[in-house]
Amino acid sequence: MEVKLPEMGEGIEEASISFWYKKVGDVVADGEDLVELTTEKTSFNLPSPTSGTVKDISAAEGSKVRVGQTLAVVE
């Protein structure tokens, strides 16, 4: 399952990756925090949408990502 940056409202179109709580190969539970993101207005944690193993991380810490962009793959 692809983990994508969700719509955040208020005209916010991008966020920065602050910190990954998991790395490739780690097991993650459904709802467990996967990544911390920062926008111009707030910081928030994005939970994993499913249980599984992190197979890929597409956005490095410090990079900017756009709404709808794939951040990681959990299988």
C-alpha atoms as a PDB file:
ATOM      1  CA  MET A   1       0.000   0.000   0.000  1.00  0.00           C
ATOM      2  CA  GLU A   2       1.313   3.418  -0.944  1.00  0.00           C
ATOM      3  CA  VAL A   3       1.409   6.017   1.832  1.00  0.00           C
ATOM      4  CA  LYS A   4       0.665   9.407   0.283  1.00  0.00           C
ATOM      5  CA  LEU A   5       0.604  12.945   1.624  1.00  0.00           C
ATOM      6  CA  PRO A   6      -3.096  13.622   2.266  1.00  0.00           C
ATOM      7  CA  GLU A   7      -5.064  16.782   1.535  1.00  0.00           C
ATOM      8  CA  MET A   8      -4.465  19.199   4.386  1.00  0.00           C
ATOM      9  CA  GLY A   9      -6.935  21.982   3.552  1.00  0.00           C
ATOM     10  CA  GLU A  10      -6.460  25.722   3.889  1.00  0.00           C
ATOM     11  CA  GLY A  11      -4.627  25.857   0.548  1.00  0.00           C
ATOM     12  CA  ILE A  12      -1.618  23.936   1.879  1.00  0.00           C
ATOM     13  CA  GLU A  13      -0.072  22.045  -1.031  1.00  0.00           C
ATOM     14  CA  GLU A  14       3.225  20.787   0.417  1.00  0.00           C
ATOM     15  CA  ALA A  15       4.987  19.702   3.593  1.00  0.00           C
ATOM     16  CA  SER A  16       8.533  18.893   4.678  1.00  0.00           C
ATOM     17  CA  ILE A  17       9.630  15.509   6.009  1.00  0.00           C
ATOM     18  CA  SER A  18      10.900  16.163   9.539  1.00  0.00           C
ATOM     19  CA  PHE A  19      11.581  12.655  10.802  1.00  0.00           C
ATOM     20  CA  TRP A  20      10.880   9.045   9.835  1.00  0.00           C
ATOM     21  CA  TYR A  21       9.892   6.877  12.805  1.00  0.00           C
ATOM     22  CA  LYS A  22      10.519   3.720  10.754  1.00  0.00           C
ATOM     23  CA  LYS A  23      13.095   2.654   8.185  1.00  0.00           C
ATOM     24  CA  VAL A  24      12.958   0.199   5.290  1.00  0.00           C
ATOM     25  CA  GLY A  25      12.525  -3.327   6.686  1.00  0.00           C
ATOM     26  CA  ASP A  26      10.812  -2.226   9.908  1.00  0.00           C
ATOM     27  CA  VAL A  27       7.425  -3.639  10.882  1.00  0.00           C
ATOM     28  CA  VAL A  28       4.679  -1.053  11.437  1.00  0.00           C
ATOM     29  CA  ALA A  29       1.183  -1.454  12.912  1.00  0.00           C
ATOM     30  CA  ASP A  30      -1.977   0.046  11.461  1.00  0.00           C
ATOM     31  CA  GLY A  31      -2.312   3.546  12.940  1.00  0.00           C
ATOM     32  CA  GLU A  32       1.262   3.675  14.250  1.00  0.00           C
ATOM     33  CA  ASP A  33       3.146   6.927  13.557  1.00  0.00           C
ATOM     34  CA  LEU A  34       5.230   6.542  10.424  1.00  0.00           C
ATOM     35  CA  VAL A  35       6.550  10.029   9.672  1.00  0.00           C
ATOM     36  CA  GLU A  36       6.515  13.549  11.125  1.00  0.00           C
ATOM     37  CA  LEU A  37       5.690  16.318   8.648  1.00  0.00           C
ATOM     38  CA  THR A  38       5.890  20.099   8.923  1.00  0.00           C
ATOM     39  CA  THR A  39       3.944  22.732   7.000  1.00  0.00           C
ATOM     40  CA  GLU A  40       4.128  26.497   7.207  1.00  0.00           C
ATOM     41  CA  LYS A  41       1.412  26.351   9.877  1.00  0.00           C
ATOM     42  CA  THR A  42       1.899  23.160  11.893  1.00  0.00           C
ATOM     43  CA  SER A  43       3.722  19.881  12.519  1.00  0.00           C
ATOM     44  CA  PHE A  44       1.880  16.571  12.528  1.00  0.00           C
ATOM     45  CA  ASN A  45       2.445  12.812  12.484  1.00  0.00           C
ATOM     46  CA  LEU A  46       1.148  10.697   9.629  1.00  0.00           C
ATOM     47  CA  PRO A  47       0.122   7.204  10.769  1.00  0.00           C
ATOM     48  CA  SER A  48       0.510   4.052   8.719  1.00  0.00           C
ATOM     49  CA  PRO A  49      -2.744   3.187   6.915  1.00  0.00           C
ATOM     50  CA  THR A  50      -2.086  -0.549   7.325  1.00  0.00           C
ATOM     51  CA  SER A  51       0.021  -3.076   9.232  1.00  0.00           C
ATOM     52  CA  GLY A  52       3.026  -4.537   7.457  1.00  0.00           C
ATOM     53  CA  THR A  53       6.661  -4.018   6.592  1.00  0.00           C
ATOM     54  CA  VAL A  54       8.084  -0.767   5.246  1.00  0.00           C
ATOM     55  CA  LYS A  55       9.303  -1.730   1.762  1.00  0.00           C
ATOM     56  CA  ASP A  56      10.295   1.688   0.413  1.00  0.00           C
ATOM     57  CA  ILE A  57      10.733   5.276   1.570  1.00  0.00           C
ATOM     58  CA  SER A  58      10.452   7.697  -1.338  1.00  0.00           C
ATOM     59  CA  ALA A  59      11.100  10.994   0.448  1.00  0.00           C
ATOM     60  CA  ALA A  60      14.163  11.688   2.571  1.00  0.00           C
ATOM     61  CA  GLU A  61      14.177  13.663   5.808  1.00  0.00           C
ATOM     62  CA  GLY A  62      14.396  17.368   4.987  1.00  0.00           C
ATOM     63  CA  SER A  63      12.751  17.028   1.569  1.00  0.00           C
ATOM     64  CA  LYS A  64       9.556  18.761   0.495  1.00  0.00           C
ATOM     65  CA  VAL A  65       6.612  16.672  -0.693  1.00  0.00           C
ATOM     66  CA  ARG A  66       3.381  17.644  -2.430  1.00  0.00           C
ATOM     67  CA  VAL A  67      -0.183  16.578  -1.661  1.00  0.00           C
ATOM     68  CA  GLY A  68      -0.811  13.187  -3.281  1.00  0.00           C
ATOM     69  CA  GLN A  69       2.884  12.312  -3.536  1.00  0.00           C
ATOM     70  CA  THR A  70       3.897   8.817  -2.412  1.00  0.00           C
ATOM     71  CA  LEU A  71       6.022   8.948   0.725  1.00  0.00           C
ATOM     72  CA  ALA A  72       6.476   5.257   1.431  1.00  0.00           C
ATOM     73  CA  VAL A  73       5.236   1.756   0.625  1.00  0.00           C
ATOM     74  CA  VAL A  74       3.997  -0.594   3.364  1.00  0.00           C
ATOM     75  CA  GLU A  75       3.453  -4.179   2.298  1.00  0.00           C
END
